[in-house]
């Protein structure tokens, strides 16, 4: 799964219009980023990438790019 595909999956998970997320967004600025979204993100990464995201690391994520890095998706420099 590449960066664009993962961002689109996050858009869908957060019930945003496709193409809304770019990566630079602060998680706290997203209305739908809540405890349910955190669980959904963990499930998305597990289902699509077969990875387990540690709760401690996820709690430190501040931006969408941080989520991408946790999922092992390339983050633009």
PDB file of N, CA and C in Angstrom:
ATOM      1  N   UNK A   1       0.862  -1.169   0.000  1.00  0.00           N
ATOM      2  CA  UNK A   1       0.000   0.000   0.000  1.00  0.00           C
ATOM      3  C   UNK A   1       0.910   1.233   0.000  1.00  0.00           C
ATOM      4  N   UNK A   2       0.673   2.137  -0.937  1.00  0.00           N
ATOM      5  CA  UNK A   2       1.503   3.331  -0.978  1.00  0.00           C
ATOM      6  C   UNK A   2       0.857   4.473  -0.184  1.00  0.00           C
ATOM      7  N   UNK A   3       1.556   5.588  -0.131  1.00  0.00           N
ATOM      8  CA  UNK A   3       1.109   6.749   0.650  1.00  0.00           C
ATOM      9  C   UNK A   3      -0.285   7.213   0.236  1.00  0.00           C
ATOM     10  N   UNK A   4      -0.505   7.351  -1.066  1.00  0.00           N
ATOM     11  CA  UNK A   4      -1.800   7.852  -1.563  1.00  0.00           C
ATOM     12  C   UNK A   4      -2.934   6.903  -1.171  1.00  0.00           C
ATOM     13  N   UNK A   5      -2.719   5.617  -1.349  1.00  0.00           N
ATOM     14  CA  UNK A   5      -3.744   4.628  -1.004  1.00  0.00           C
ATOM     15  C   UNK A   5      -4.050   4.654   0.499  1.00  0.00           C
ATOM     16  N   UNK A   6      -2.989   4.802   1.302  1.00  0.00           N
ATOM     17  CA  UNK A   6      -3.197   4.808   2.744  1.00  0.00           C
ATOM     18  C   UNK A   6      -3.942   6.068   3.175  1.00  0.00           C
ATOM     19  N   UNK A   7      -3.590   7.209   2.594  1.00  0.00           N
ATOM     20  CA  UNK A   7      -4.313   8.449   2.917  1.00  0.00           C
ATOM     21  C   UNK A   7      -5.783   8.336   2.532  1.00  0.00           C
ATOM     22  N   UNK A   8      -6.068   7.722   1.398  1.00  0.00           N
ATOM     23  CA  UNK A   8      -7.459   7.524   0.985  1.00  0.00           C
ATOM     24  C   UNK A   8      -8.185   6.603   1.958  1.00  0.00           C
ATOM     25  N   UNK A   9      -7.503   5.570   2.440  1.00  0.00           N
ATOM     26  CA  UNK A   9      -8.107   4.667   3.428  1.00  0.00           C
ATOM     27  C   UNK A   9      -8.379   5.417   4.732  1.00  0.00           C
ATOM     28  N   UNK A  10      -7.464   6.315   5.133  1.00  0.00           N
ATOM     29  CA  UNK A  10      -7.692   7.130   6.330  1.00  0.00           C
ATOM     30  C   UNK A  10      -8.861   8.093   6.122  1.00  0.00           C
ATOM     31  N   UNK A  11      -8.949   8.690   4.926  1.00  0.00           N
ATOM     32  CA  UNK A  11     -10.093   9.558   4.617  1.00  0.00           C
ATOM     33  C   UNK A  11     -11.395   8.805   4.832  1.00  0.00           C
ATOM     34  N   UNK A  12     -11.455   7.610   4.280  1.00  0.00           N
ATOM     35  CA  UNK A  12     -12.670   6.794   4.387  1.00  0.00           C
ATOM     36  C   UNK A  12     -12.950   6.429   5.846  1.00  0.00           C
ATOM     37  N   UNK A  13     -11.904   6.023   6.560  1.00  0.00           N
ATOM     38  CA  UNK A  13     -12.056   5.629   7.958  1.00  0.00           C
ATOM     39  C   UNK A  13     -12.597   6.792   8.794  1.00  0.00           C
ATOM     40  N   UNK A  14     -12.131   8.003   8.512  1.00  0.00           N
ATOM     41  CA  UNK A  14     -12.543   9.186   9.276  1.00  0.00           C
ATOM     42  C   UNK A  14     -13.778   9.875   8.687  1.00  0.00           C
ATOM     43  N   UNK A  15     -14.368   9.230   7.675  1.00  0.00           N
ATOM     44  CA  UNK A  15     -15.566   9.747   7.015  1.00  0.00           C
ATOM     45  C   UNK A  15     -15.339  11.145   6.430  1.00  0.00           C
ATOM     46  N   UNK A  16     -14.170  11.305   5.783  1.00  0.00           N
ATOM     47  CA  UNK A  16     -13.832  12.549   5.102  1.00  0.00           C
ATOM     48  C   UNK A  16     -13.955  12.329   3.602  1.00  0.00           C
ATOM     49  N   UNK A  17     -14.078  13.422   2.849  1.00  0.00           N
ATOM     50  CA  UNK A  17     -14.093  13.304   1.396  1.00  0.00           C
ATOM     51  C   UNK A  17     -12.753  12.761   0.926  1.00  0.00           C
ATOM     52  N   UNK A  18     -12.780  11.918  -0.090  1.00  0.00           N
ATOM     53  CA  UNK A  18     -11.552  11.345  -0.636  1.00  0.00           C
ATOM     54  C   UNK A  18     -10.605  12.462  -1.059  1.00  0.00           C
ATOM     55  N   UNK A  19      -9.350  12.341  -0.672  1.00  0.00           N
ATOM     56  CA  UNK A  19      -8.346  13.337  -1.024  1.00  0.00           C
ATOM     57  C   UNK A  19      -8.218  14.473  -0.026  1.00  0.00           C
ATOM     58  N   UNK A  20      -8.943  14.390   1.093  1.00  0.00           N
ATOM     59  CA  UNK A  20      -8.904  15.460   2.095  1.00  0.00           C
ATOM     60  C   UNK A  20      -7.552  15.511   2.806  1.00  0.00           C
ATOM     61  N   UNK A  21      -7.076  14.372   3.253  1.00  0.00           N
ATOM     62  CA  UNK A  21      -5.842  14.345   4.039  1.00  0.00           C
ATOM     63  C   UNK A  21      -4.611  14.423   3.143  1.00  0.00           C
ATOM     64  N   UNK A  22      -3.628  15.195   3.605  1.00  0.00           N
ATOM     65  CA  UNK A  22      -2.365  15.321   2.888  1.00  0.00           C
ATOM     66  C   UNK A  22      -1.205  14.762   3.698  1.00  0.00           C
ATOM     67  N   UNK A  23      -1.379  14.658   4.995  1.00  0.00           N
ATOM     68  CA  UNK A  23      -0.338  14.149   5.868  1.00  0.00           C
ATOM     69  C   UNK A  23       0.089  15.153   6.918  1.00  0.00           C
ATOM     70  N   UNK A  24      -0.015  16.432   6.602  1.00  0.00           N
ATOM     71  CA  UNK A  24       0.454  17.474   7.519  1.00  0.00           C
ATOM     72  C   UNK A  24      -0.559  17.815   8.611  1.00  0.00           C
ATOM     73  N   UNK A  25      -1.761  17.302   8.511  1.00  0.00           N
ATOM     74  CA  UNK A  25      -2.821  17.657   9.454  1.00  0.00           C
ATOM     75  C   UNK A  25      -2.485  17.220  10.875  1.00  0.00           C
ATOM     76  N   UNK A  26      -2.793  18.091  11.821  1.00  0.00           N
ATOM     77  CA  UNK A  26      -2.679  17.753  13.240  1.00  0.00           C
ATOM     78  C   UNK A  26      -3.878  16.872  13.596  1.00  0.00           C
ATOM     79  N   UNK A  27      -3.633  15.773  14.278  1.00  0.00           N
ATOM     80  CA  UNK A  27      -4.719  14.854  14.621  1.00  0.00           C
ATOM     81  C   UNK A  27      -5.801  15.536  15.453  1.00  0.00           C
ATOM     82  N   UNK A  28      -5.392  16.376  16.384  1.00  0.00           N
ATOM     83  CA  UNK A  28      -6.380  17.037  17.250  1.00  0.00           C
ATOM     84  C   UNK A  28      -7.269  18.016  16.491  1.00  0.00           C
ATOM     85  N   UNK A  29      -6.857  18.411  15.282  1.00  0.00           N
ATOM     86  CA  UNK A  29      -7.681  19.323  14.487  1.00  0.00           C
ATOM     87  C   UNK A  29      -8.761  18.575  13.698  1.00  0.00           C
ATOM     88  N   UNK A  30      -8.681  17.252  13.675  1.00  0.00           N
ATOM     89  CA  UNK A  30      -9.656  16.439  12.944  1.00  0.00           C
ATOM     90  C   UNK A  30     -10.827  16.102  13.857  1.00  0.00           C
ATOM     91  N   UNK A  31     -12.018  16.531  13.459  1.00  0.00           N
ATOM     92  CA  UNK A  31     -13.210  16.304  14.280  1.00  0.00           C
ATOM     93  C   UNK A  31     -13.443  14.831  14.596  1.00  0.00           C
ATOM     94  N   UNK A  32     -13.125  13.963  13.647  1.00  0.00           N
ATOM     95  CA  UNK A  32     -13.423  12.540  13.812  1.00  0.00           C
ATOM     96  C   UNK A  32     -12.289  11.759  14.459  1.00  0.00           C
ATOM     97  N   UNK A  33     -11.199  12.420  14.858  1.00  0.00           N
ATOM     98  CA  UNK A  33     -10.108  11.694  15.512  1.00  0.00           C
ATOM     99  C   UNK A  33     -10.444  11.559  16.992  1.00  0.00           C
ATOM    100  N   UNK A  34     -10.921  10.391  17.361  1.00  0.00           N
ATOM    101  CA  UNK A  34     -11.319  10.115  18.738  1.00  0.00           C
ATOM    102  C   UNK A  34     -10.907   8.683  19.080  1.00  0.00           C
ATOM    103  N   UNK A  35     -11.355   8.190  20.211  1.00  0.00           N
ATOM    104  CA  UNK A  35     -10.943   6.852  20.636  1.00  0.00           C
ATOM    105  C   UNK A  35     -11.393   5.770  19.647  1.00  0.00           C
ATOM    106  N   UNK A  36     -12.547   5.953  19.034  1.00  0.00           N
ATOM    107  CA  UNK A  36     -13.014   4.993  18.031  1.00  0.00           C
ATOM    108  C   UNK A  36     -12.115   5.029  16.796  1.00  0.00           C
ATOM    109  N   UNK A  37     -11.684   6.220  16.401  1.00  0.00           N
ATOM    110  CA  UNK A  37     -10.781   6.349  15.258  1.00  0.00           C
ATOM    111  C   UNK A  37      -9.439   5.689  15.545  1.00  0.00           C
ATOM    112  N   UNK A  38      -8.969   5.789  16.780  1.00  0.00           N
ATOM    113  CA  UNK A  38      -7.706   5.152  17.160  1.00  0.00           C
ATOM    114  C   UNK A  38      -7.830   3.639  16.976  1.00  0.00           C
ATOM    115  N   UNK A  39      -8.915   3.078  17.459  1.00  0.00           N
ATOM    116  CA  UNK A  39      -9.147   1.634  17.310  1.00  0.00           C
ATOM    117  C   UNK A  39      -9.275   1.260  15.839  1.00  0.00           C
ATOM    118  N   UNK A  40      -9.975   2.092  15.086  1.00  0.00           N
ATOM    119  CA  UNK A  40     -10.133   1.841  13.652  1.00  0.00           C
ATOM    120  C   UNK A  40      -8.795   1.901  12.929  1.00  0.00           C
ATOM    121  N   UNK A  41      -7.925   2.836  13.336  1.00  0.00           N
ATOM    122  CA  UNK A  41      -6.595   2.944  12.730  1.00  0.00           C
ATOM    123  C   UNK A  41      -5.790   1.682  12.998  1.00  0.00           C
ATOM    124  N   UNK A  42      -5.815   1.204  14.223  1.00  0.00           N
ATOM    125  CA  UNK A  42      -5.093  -0.021  14.584  1.00  0.00           C
ATOM    126  C   UNK A  42      -5.594  -1.183  13.735  1.00  0.00           C
ATOM    127  N   UNK A  43      -6.908  -1.279  13.576  1.00  0.00           N
ATOM    128  CA  UNK A  43      -7.501  -2.351  12.772  1.00  0.00           C
ATOM    129  C   UNK A  43      -7.128  -2.200  11.293  1.00  0.00           C
ATOM    130  N   UNK A  44      -7.124  -0.969  10.787  1.00  0.00           N
ATOM    131  CA  UNK A  44      -6.778  -0.712   9.390  1.00  0.00           C
ATOM    132  C   UNK A  44      -5.349  -1.167   9.100  1.00  0.00           C
ATOM    133  N   UNK A  45      -4.422  -0.792   9.961  1.00  0.00           N
ATOM    134  CA  UNK A  45      -3.021  -1.161   9.771  1.00  0.00           C
ATOM    135  C   UNK A  45      -2.855  -2.677   9.841  1.00  0.00           C
ATOM    136  N   UNK A  46      -3.551  -3.291  10.772  1.00  0.00           N
ATOM    137  CA  UNK A  46      -3.479  -4.749  10.898  1.00  0.00           C
ATOM    138  C   UNK A  46      -4.037  -5.423   9.651  1.00  0.00           C
ATOM    139  N   UNK A  47      -5.206  -4.982   9.212  1.00  0.00           N
ATOM    140  CA  UNK A  47      -5.877  -5.602   8.064  1.00  0.00           C
ATOM    141  C   UNK A  47      -5.123  -5.379   6.761  1.00  0.00           C
ATOM    142  N   UNK A  48      -4.717  -4.153   6.494  1.00  0.00           N
ATOM    143  CA  UNK A  48      -4.110  -3.820   5.204  1.00  0.00           C
ATOM    144  C   UNK A  48      -2.626  -4.145   5.128  1.00  0.00           C
ATOM    145  N   UNK A  49      -1.916  -4.028   6.272  1.00  0.00           N
ATOM    146  CA  UNK A  49      -0.469  -4.169   6.235  1.00  0.00           C
ATOM    147  C   UNK A  49       0.063  -5.315   7.082  1.00  0.00           C
ATOM    148  N   UNK A  50      -0.815  -5.912   7.891  1.00  0.00           N
ATOM    149  CA  UNK A  50      -0.387  -7.018   8.735  1.00  0.00           C
ATOM    150  C   UNK A  50       0.560  -6.593   9.843  1.00  0.00           C
ATOM    151  N   UNK A  51       0.458  -5.335  10.273  1.00  0.00           N
ATOM    152  CA  UNK A  51       1.317  -4.803  11.329  1.00  0.00           C
ATOM    153  C   UNK A  51       0.512  -4.532  12.588  1.00  0.00           C
ATOM    154  N   UNK A  52       1.185  -4.636  13.727  1.00  0.00           N
ATOM    155  CA  UNK A  52       0.573  -4.292  15.002  1.00  0.00           C
ATOM    156  C   UNK A  52       1.191  -2.982  15.467  1.00  0.00           C
ATOM    157  N   UNK A  53       0.350  -1.973  15.669  1.00  0.00           N
ATOM    158  CA  UNK A  53       0.817  -0.668  16.137  1.00  0.00           C
ATOM    159  C   UNK A  53       0.728  -0.652  17.658  1.00  0.00           C
ATOM    160  N   UNK A  54       1.831  -0.303  18.299  1.00  0.00           N
ATOM    161  CA  UNK A  54       1.864  -0.243  19.760  1.00  0.00           C
ATOM    162  C   UNK A  54       1.121   0.986  20.253  1.00  0.00           C
ATOM    163  N   UNK A  55       0.290   0.797  21.267  1.00  0.00           N
ATOM    164  CA  UNK A  55      -0.502   1.887  21.820  1.00  0.00           C
ATOM    165  C   UNK A  55       0.332   3.054  22.300  1.00  0.00           C
ATOM    166  N   UNK A  56       1.494   2.757  22.919  1.00  0.00           N
ATOM    167  CA  UNK A  56       2.367   3.828  23.415  1.00  0.00           C
ATOM    168  C   UNK A  56       2.861   4.708  22.285  1.00  0.00           C
ATOM    169  N   UNK A  57       3.243   4.095  21.189  1.00  0.00           N
ATOM    170  CA  UNK A  57       3.726   4.861  20.031  1.00  0.00           C
ATOM    171  C   UNK A  57       2.585   5.638  19.396  1.00  0.00           C
ATOM    172  N   UNK A  58       1.426   5.020  19.306  1.00  0.00           N
ATOM    173  CA  UNK A  58       0.272   5.694  18.718  1.00  0.00           C
ATOM    174  C   UNK A  58      -0.137   6.899  19.554  1.00  0.00           C
ATOM    175  N   UNK A  59      -0.033   6.797  20.855  1.00  0.00           N
ATOM    176  CA  UNK A  59      -0.394   7.908  21.737  1.00  0.00           C
ATOM    177  C   UNK A  59       0.507   9.118  21.517  1.00  0.00           C
ATOM    178  N   UNK A  60       1.720   8.899  21.005  1.00  0.00           N
ATOM    179  CA  UNK A  60       2.656   9.999  20.761  1.00  0.00           C
ATOM    180  C   UNK A  60       2.445  10.659  19.401  1.00  0.00           C
ATOM    181  N   UNK A  61       1.632  10.051  18.539  1.00  0.00           N
ATOM    182  CA  UNK A  61       1.398  10.599  17.200  1.00  0.00           C
ATOM    183  C   UNK A  61       0.660  11.933  17.290  1.00  0.00           C
ATOM    184  N   UNK A  62       1.168  12.915  16.574  1.00  0.00           N
ATOM    185  CA  UNK A  62       0.565  14.254  16.575  1.00  0.00           C
ATOM    186  C   UNK A  62      -0.043  14.632  15.225  1.00  0.00           C
ATOM    187  N   UNK A  63       0.479  14.041  14.148  1.00  0.00           N
ATOM    188  CA  UNK A  63       0.021  14.389  12.807  1.00  0.00           C
ATOM    189  C   UNK A  63      -0.340  13.132  12.018  1.00  0.00           C
ATOM    190  N   UNK A  64      -0.981  13.346  10.893  1.00  0.00           N
ATOM    191  CA  UNK A  64      -1.296  12.234   9.994  1.00  0.00           C
ATOM    192  C   UNK A  64       0.000  11.598   9.495  1.00  0.00           C
ATOM    193  N   UNK A  65       1.034  12.413   9.236  1.00  0.00           N
ATOM    194  CA  UNK A  65       2.327  11.859   8.831  1.00  0.00           C
ATOM    195  C   UNK A  65       2.884  10.924   9.900  1.00  0.00           C
ATOM    196  N   UNK A  66       2.660  11.248  11.178  1.00  0.00           N
ATOM    197  CA  UNK A  66       3.089  10.354  12.261  1.00  0.00           C
ATOM    198  C   UNK A  66       2.383   9.004  12.144  1.00  0.00           C
ATOM    199  N   UNK A  67       1.102   9.028  11.798  1.00  0.00           N
ATOM    200  CA  UNK A  67       0.361   7.775  11.607  1.00  0.00           C
ATOM    201  C   UNK A  67       0.946   6.979  10.454  1.00  0.00           C
ATOM    202  N   UNK A  68       1.279   7.677   9.368  1.00  0.00           N
ATOM    203  CA  UNK A  68       1.868   7.010   8.219  1.00  0.00           C
ATOM    204  C   UNK A  68       3.189   6.349   8.596  1.00  0.00           C
ATOM    205  N   UNK A  69       3.992   7.057   9.385  1.00  0.00           N
ATOM    206  CA  UNK A  69       5.279   6.495   9.804  1.00  0.00           C
ATOM    207  C   UNK A  69       5.076   5.258  10.672  1.00  0.00           C
ATOM    208  N   UNK A  70       4.095   5.295  11.561  1.00  0.00           N
ATOM    209  CA  UNK A  70       3.803   4.127  12.396  1.00  0.00           C
ATOM    210  C   UNK A  70       3.382   2.929  11.566  1.00  0.00           C
ATOM    211  N   UNK A  71       2.697   3.223  10.466  1.00  0.00           N
ATOM    212  CA  UNK A  71       2.225   2.146   9.588  1.00  0.00           C
ATOM    213  C   UNK A  71       3.309   1.695   8.620  1.00  0.00           C
ATOM    214  N   UNK A  72       4.460   2.390   8.631  1.00  0.00           N
ATOM    215  CA  UNK A  72       5.546   2.025   7.725  1.00  0.00           C
ATOM    216  C   UNK A  72       5.324   2.498   6.313  1.00  0.00           C
ATOM    217  N   UNK A  73       4.443   3.499   6.140  1.00  0.00           N
ATOM    218  CA  UNK A  73       4.182   4.061   4.824  1.00  0.00           C
ATOM    219  C   UNK A  73       5.139   5.227   4.628  1.00  0.00           C
ATOM    220  N   UNK A  74       5.736   5.331   3.473  1.00  0.00           N
ATOM    221  CA  UNK A  74       6.716   6.390   3.212  1.00  0.00           C
ATOM    222  C   UNK A  74       6.102   7.764   3.416  1.00  0.00           C
ATOM    223  N   UNK A  75       6.812   8.597   4.170  1.00  0.00           N
ATOM    224  CA  UNK A  75       6.378   9.959   4.426  1.00  0.00           C
ATOM    225  C   UNK A  75       7.257  10.890   3.614  1.00  0.00           C
ATOM    226  N   UNK A  76       6.626  11.813   2.895  1.00  0.00           N
ATOM    227  CA  UNK A  76       7.382  12.761   2.068  1.00  0.00           C
ATOM    228  C   UNK A  76       8.303  13.596   2.944  1.00  0.00           C
ATOM    229  N   UNK A  77       9.485  13.865   2.445  1.00  0.00           N
ATOM    230  CA  UNK A  77      10.464  14.651   3.195  1.00  0.00           C
ATOM    231  C   UNK A  77      10.098  16.128   3.186  1.00  0.00           C
TER     232      UNK A  77
END
